[in-house]
Amino acid sequence: MGEKDMRERMAEMLKYHRIKADMTVYDVGEKVGKSGKTVDAWEHGRGQPDADMLLKLCSLYGVPSVGAFFGEDKMPITDNENHLLNMFRSLNREGQKAVLDHATALVASGLYKRSGTSNAAV
């Protein structure tokens, strides 16, 4: 990814999280000690927050990490997962409960556990 692409991605994500937090550029500026004009410039790629400011913005927006800020903490959905989800949605409540009960039992058994994963409910 080139510098221009990175700057555009940063600007896009700054605006996305601000809007998701239902804040104006002036609200954000006030909370982080910058002007609304500065926040607007960041969102249009005419500047960027430094690392400390990015961490402050993550905190302000309720984003747990810089990776999550850029959407990188999400694992992509595989074709099999998408297919399973579509089948699950086609079932009535009883069928969905049966699938969840069976999946819970499979995970709890540990027999089919992928290495590096936890048994936490998903």
Protein backbone atom coordinates (compact mmCIF):
# COMPACT_ATOMS: atom_id res chain seq x y z
CA MET A 1 0.00 0.00 0.00
CA GLY A 2 1.47 3.34 -1.06
CA GLU A 3 1.72 6.45 1.09
CA LYS A 4 -1.24 8.08 -0.68
CA ASP A 5 -3.37 4.96 -0.14
CA MET A 6 -2.43 4.84 3.53
CA ARG A 7 -3.27 8.52 4.00
CA GLU A 8 -6.65 7.99 2.30
CA ARG A 9 -7.37 4.93 4.43
CA MET A 10 -6.48 6.85 7.61
CA ALA A 11 -8.76 9.73 6.59
CA GLU A 12 -11.61 7.33 5.75
CA MET A 13 -11.34 5.50 9.07
CA LEU A 14 -11.09 8.71 11.12
CA LYS A 15 -14.33 9.96 9.60
CA TYR A 16 -16.03 6.55 9.86
CA HIS A 17 -15.35 6.21 13.60
CA ARG A 18 -16.29 9.84 14.34
CA ILE A 19 -19.63 9.46 12.58
CA LYS A 20 -20.23 6.09 14.24
CA ALA A 21 -19.62 7.80 17.61
CA ASP A 22 -22.20 10.44 16.60
CA MET A 23 -19.76 13.31 17.04
CA THR A 24 -18.91 16.39 15.00
CA VAL A 25 -15.35 17.36 14.11
CA TYR A 26 -15.73 20.13 16.71
CA ASP A 27 -16.83 17.64 19.40
CA VAL A 28 -13.78 15.51 18.69
CA GLY A 29 -11.44 18.48 18.62
CA GLU A 30 -12.70 19.68 21.98
CA LYS A 31 -12.26 16.24 23.55
CA VAL A 32 -8.70 15.72 22.26
CA GLY A 33 -7.42 19.28 22.56
CA LYS A 34 -7.34 20.12 18.84
CA SER A 35 -9.46 22.39 16.69
CA GLY A 36 -12.36 21.09 14.63
CA LYS A 37 -10.46 22.40 11.63
CA THR A 38 -7.54 20.08 12.45
CA VAL A 39 -9.85 17.07 12.82
CA ASP A 40 -11.49 17.97 9.50
CA ALA A 41 -8.04 18.16 7.86
CA TRP A 42 -7.20 14.68 9.17
CA GLU A 43 -10.46 13.36 7.69
CA HIS A 44 -9.62 14.84 4.30
CA GLY A 45 -6.03 13.58 4.18
CA ARG A 46 -4.47 17.01 4.70
CA GLY A 47 -2.66 15.84 7.81
CA GLN A 48 -2.63 12.94 10.22
CA PRO A 49 -2.77 12.49 13.96
CA ASP A 50 0.45 11.27 15.56
CA ALA A 51 0.58 7.89 17.30
CA ASP A 52 -0.34 9.27 20.73
CA MET A 53 -3.31 11.13 19.26
CA LEU A 54 -4.43 8.02 17.37
CA LEU A 55 -4.49 6.09 20.66
CA LYS A 56 -6.48 8.93 22.24
CA LEU A 57 -8.95 8.80 19.34
CA CYS A 58 -9.30 5.02 19.71
CA SER A 59 -10.18 5.54 23.36
CA LEU A 60 -12.62 8.34 22.55
CA TYR A 61 -14.39 6.24 19.92
CA GLY A 62 -14.43 3.09 22.06
CA VAL A 63 -12.18 1.18 19.67
CA PRO A 64 -10.05 -1.41 21.56
CA SER A 65 -6.89 -1.21 19.43
CA VAL A 66 -5.27 0.53 16.48
CA GLY A 67 -5.71 -2.70 14.50
CA ALA A 68 -9.44 -2.65 15.25
CA PHE A 69 -9.52 1.04 14.29
CA PHE A 70 -8.44 0.03 10.79
CA GLY A 71 -10.66 -3.07 10.74
CA GLU A 72 -7.67 -5.40 10.77
CA ASP A 73 -8.65 -7.38 13.87
CA LYS A 74 -11.54 -8.96 12.03
CA MET A 75 -10.96 -12.34 10.45
CA PRO A 76 -12.39 -12.58 6.96
CA ILE A 77 -15.47 -14.79 6.62
CA THR A 78 -14.75 -17.92 4.62
CA ASP A 79 -17.09 -19.39 2.01
CA ASN A 80 -17.87 -22.29 4.39
CA GLU A 81 -18.77 -19.87 7.21
CA ASN A 82 -20.99 -17.87 4.88
CA HIS A 83 -22.68 -21.06 3.67
CA LEU A 84 -23.23 -22.22 7.25
CA LEU A 85 -24.69 -18.85 8.22
CA ASN A 86 -27.09 -18.94 5.27
CA MET A 87 -28.23 -22.46 6.18
CA PHE A 88 -28.62 -21.43 9.84
CA ARG A 89 -30.78 -18.45 8.87
CA SER A 90 -33.05 -20.70 6.80
CA LEU A 91 -33.96 -22.72 9.91
CA ASN A 92 -36.81 -21.97 12.29
CA ARG A 93 -36.06 -21.22 15.98
CA GLU A 94 -36.12 -24.90 16.95
CA GLY A 95 -33.69 -25.80 14.19
CA GLN A 96 -31.38 -22.93 15.11
CA LYS A 97 -31.40 -24.03 18.75
CA ALA A 98 -30.58 -27.61 17.72
CA VAL A 99 -27.64 -26.40 15.61
CA LEU A 100 -26.34 -24.22 18.47
CA ASP A 101 -26.73 -27.06 20.99
CA HIS A 102 -24.85 -29.45 18.71
CA ALA A 103 -22.08 -26.92 17.94
CA THR A 104 -21.71 -26.13 21.66
CA ALA A 105 -21.34 -29.83 22.43
CA LEU A 106 -18.72 -30.25 19.66
CA VAL A 107 -16.66 -27.32 20.96
CA ALA A 108 -16.99 -28.45 24.57
CA SER A 109 -15.80 -31.96 23.69
CA GLY A 110 -12.49 -30.54 22.47
CA LEU A 111 -12.33 -33.23 19.78
CA TYR A 112 -12.65 -30.80 16.90
CA LYS A 113 -10.90 -27.79 18.37
CA ARG A 114 -8.54 -25.92 16.07
CA SER A 115 -5.18 -25.16 17.68
CA GLY A 116 -4.82 -21.60 19.00
CA THR A 117 -8.54 -21.10 19.71
CA SER A 118 -10.44 -20.91 22.95
CA ASN A 119 -13.67 -22.61 23.97
CA ALA A 120 -15.34 -19.25 24.54
CA ALA A 121 -18.84 -18.90 23.17
CA VAL A 122 -19.00 -17.15 19.82
